[in-house]
Amino acid sequence: MLLEQGVASHAGLDAIYARFSAGYEAMDPIAVANLYTDTAAYLAPDKNIQSRREIEASFTRFFGRMKQGGSRVAISFRILQRQVQETLAYDVGIYTLEITAADKSSRQEKGKFVTVATRAADGAWLLQVDAFSDLDDG
């Protein structure tokens, strides 16, 4: 994860992105889903998912397709803006998804995202909202 100049590091939020990237590399839908609250909104361009259980099912399907095709996936994040309050925070950024096929060819997809995280009673930060779309390079 990269932080743009002027964006402060935050241990709880930075850990979300590190664990997200690790979950992608392991293609572990449970690890990724556990970064979200039970009632999280996962807002993809073609989906509006409204629970951790549905988020896990979506990642199970995605990682399943990748595994079936012999592909590997990696995701990285660049945080452009960050605002943190006591129990609520948001990030605005760019993600880069790299998919490496079984034949070792690879492609990158970039997109923009906004996340809203909440701090639970135990101090852990979890995503409440994750909205993203493709980055239009044109």
Protein backbone atom coordinates (compact mmCIF):
# COMPACT_ATOMS: atom_id res chain seq x y z
CA MET A 1 0.00 0.00 0.00
CA LEU A 2 1.25 3.44 -0.91
CA LEU A 3 0.20 6.67 0.77
CA GLU A 4 0.16 9.86 -1.26
CA GLN A 5 2.16 12.73 0.16
CA GLY A 6 0.23 14.28 3.03
CA VAL A 7 -1.80 11.13 3.80
CA ALA A 8 -1.05 9.94 7.32
CA SER A 9 -0.44 6.32 8.13
CA HIS A 10 -2.99 4.71 10.45
CA ALA A 11 -2.20 1.29 11.91
CA GLY A 12 -5.79 0.03 11.93
CA LEU A 13 -6.65 1.17 8.41
CA ASP A 14 -3.30 0.22 6.92
CA ALA A 15 -3.75 -3.28 8.37
CA ILE A 16 -7.02 -3.66 6.43
CA TYR A 17 -5.21 -3.12 3.11
CA ALA A 18 -2.33 -5.42 4.07
CA ARG A 19 -4.77 -8.18 5.04
CA PHE A 20 -6.84 -7.53 1.89
CA SER A 21 -3.74 -7.98 -0.30
CA ALA A 22 -2.74 -11.14 1.60
CA GLY A 23 -6.27 -12.53 1.21
CA TYR A 24 -6.10 -11.95 -2.54
CA GLU A 25 -2.70 -13.62 -2.87
CA ALA A 26 -4.00 -16.63 -0.91
CA MET A 27 -7.33 -16.43 -2.77
CA ASP A 28 -9.01 -16.78 0.63
CA PRO A 29 -12.60 -15.46 0.51
CA ILE A 30 -13.08 -15.81 4.26
CA ALA A 31 -9.99 -13.73 5.03
CA VAL A 32 -11.22 -10.96 2.71
CA ALA A 33 -14.83 -11.10 3.94
CA ASN A 34 -13.67 -10.85 7.55
CA LEU A 35 -12.42 -7.32 6.80
CA TYR A 36 -16.06 -6.18 6.53
CA THR A 37 -18.77 -5.59 9.13
CA ASP A 38 -21.77 -7.95 9.21
CA THR A 39 -23.90 -5.29 7.49
CA ALA A 40 -21.29 -3.92 5.07
CA ALA A 41 -22.24 -2.47 1.70
CA TYR A 42 -20.02 -3.73 -1.14
CA LEU A 43 -20.84 -1.51 -4.09
CA ALA A 44 -19.32 -2.77 -7.33
CA PRO A 45 -20.30 -1.33 -10.73
CA ASP A 46 -22.66 -4.24 -11.39
CA LYS A 47 -23.53 -5.34 -7.84
CA ASN A 48 -24.95 -4.00 -4.61
CA ILE A 49 -24.08 -6.50 -1.89
CA GLN A 50 -25.32 -5.80 1.63
CA SER A 51 -23.76 -8.27 4.08
CA ARG A 52 -20.50 -9.95 5.01
CA ARG A 53 -22.04 -13.32 4.12
CA GLU A 54 -22.87 -12.13 0.59
CA ILE A 55 -19.41 -10.53 0.26
CA GLU A 56 -17.83 -13.88 1.16
CA ALA A 57 -20.00 -15.64 -1.44
CA SER A 58 -18.97 -13.10 -4.10
CA PHE A 59 -15.26 -13.58 -3.35
CA THR A 60 -15.74 -17.36 -3.25
CA ARG A 61 -17.09 -17.23 -6.81
CA PHE A 62 -14.35 -14.83 -8.01
CA PHE A 63 -11.45 -16.75 -6.48
CA GLY A 64 -13.02 -20.02 -7.65
CA ARG A 65 -12.99 -18.79 -11.26
CA MET A 66 -9.39 -17.68 -10.90
CA LYS A 67 -8.30 -21.02 -9.40
CA GLN A 68 -10.23 -23.02 -11.99
CA GLY A 69 -8.40 -21.18 -14.77
CA GLY A 70 -5.03 -21.61 -13.06
CA SER A 71 -4.69 -17.86 -12.52
CA ARG A 72 -3.15 -15.95 -9.64
CA VAL A 73 -4.32 -12.56 -8.43
CA ALA A 74 -2.70 -9.72 -6.53
CA ILE A 75 -4.11 -6.38 -5.48
CA SER A 76 -2.39 -3.22 -4.29
CA PHE A 77 -3.68 0.13 -3.10
CA ARG A 78 -2.67 3.78 -3.32
CA ILE A 79 -4.42 6.01 -0.81
CA LEU A 80 -5.04 9.54 -2.12
CA GLN A 81 -7.14 10.93 0.73
CA ARG A 82 -7.82 9.83 4.27
CA GLN A 83 -9.91 11.23 7.07
CA VAL A 84 -10.02 9.56 10.48
CA GLN A 85 -12.33 10.31 13.40
CA GLU A 86 -12.58 8.39 16.66
CA THR A 87 -14.80 5.57 15.33
CA LEU A 88 -15.24 6.41 11.65
CA ALA A 89 -12.79 6.86 8.77
CA TYR A 90 -12.76 7.05 5.02
CA ASP A 91 -10.15 6.50 2.33
CA VAL A 92 -10.20 7.50 -1.32
CA GLY A 93 -7.76 5.77 -3.60
CA ILE A 94 -6.71 3.76 -6.60
CA TYR A 95 -6.40 -0.01 -6.68
CA THR A 96 -4.38 -2.11 -9.08
CA LEU A 97 -5.47 -5.69 -9.70
CA GLU A 98 -2.96 -7.94 -11.41
CA ILE A 99 -4.13 -11.23 -12.85
CA THR A 100 -1.50 -13.73 -13.95
CA ALA A 101 -2.83 -16.55 -16.12
CA ALA A 102 -1.62 -20.14 -16.11
CA ASP A 103 0.48 -19.40 -19.21
CA LYS A 104 2.27 -16.62 -17.21
CA SER A 105 0.69 -13.82 -19.24
CA SER A 106 -0.62 -11.04 -17.06
CA ARG A 107 -2.91 -8.08 -17.19
CA GLN A 108 -3.56 -5.16 -14.88
CA GLU A 109 -6.86 -3.53 -14.08
CA LYS A 110 -7.00 -0.21 -12.24
CA GLY A 111 -9.92 1.35 -10.49
CA LYS A 112 -10.92 4.00 -8.02
CA PHE A 113 -12.46 3.33 -4.63
CA VAL A 114 -13.93 4.89 -1.54
CA THR A 115 -14.05 2.95 1.69
CA VAL A 116 -15.70 3.84 4.97
CA ALA A 117 -14.39 2.01 8.02
CA THR A 118 -15.79 1.81 11.52
CA ARG A 119 -13.99 0.98 14.72
CA ALA A 120 -15.62 -1.82 16.69
CA ALA A 121 -15.89 -1.93 20.47
CA ASP A 122 -12.78 -4.15 20.58
CA GLY A 123 -10.80 -1.47 18.70
CA ALA A 124 -10.59 -3.36 15.39
CA TRP A 125 -11.31 -1.40 12.22
CA LEU A 126 -13.66 -2.99 9.66
CA LEU A 127 -15.05 -1.82 6.34
CA GLN A 128 -18.68 -0.69 6.41
CA VAL A 129 -18.73 0.61 2.82
CA ASP A 130 -16.55 -0.39 -0.12
CA ALA A 131 -17.48 1.32 -3.39
CA PHE A 132 -15.37 1.01 -6.50
CA SER A 133 -15.34 1.26 -10.27
CA ASP A 134 -12.93 0.93 -13.17
CA LEU A 135 -10.52 3.78 -13.72
CA ASP A 136 -11.18 5.41 -17.06
CA ASP A 137 -7.76 6.13 -18.52
CA GLY A 138 -9.27 7.86 -21.54
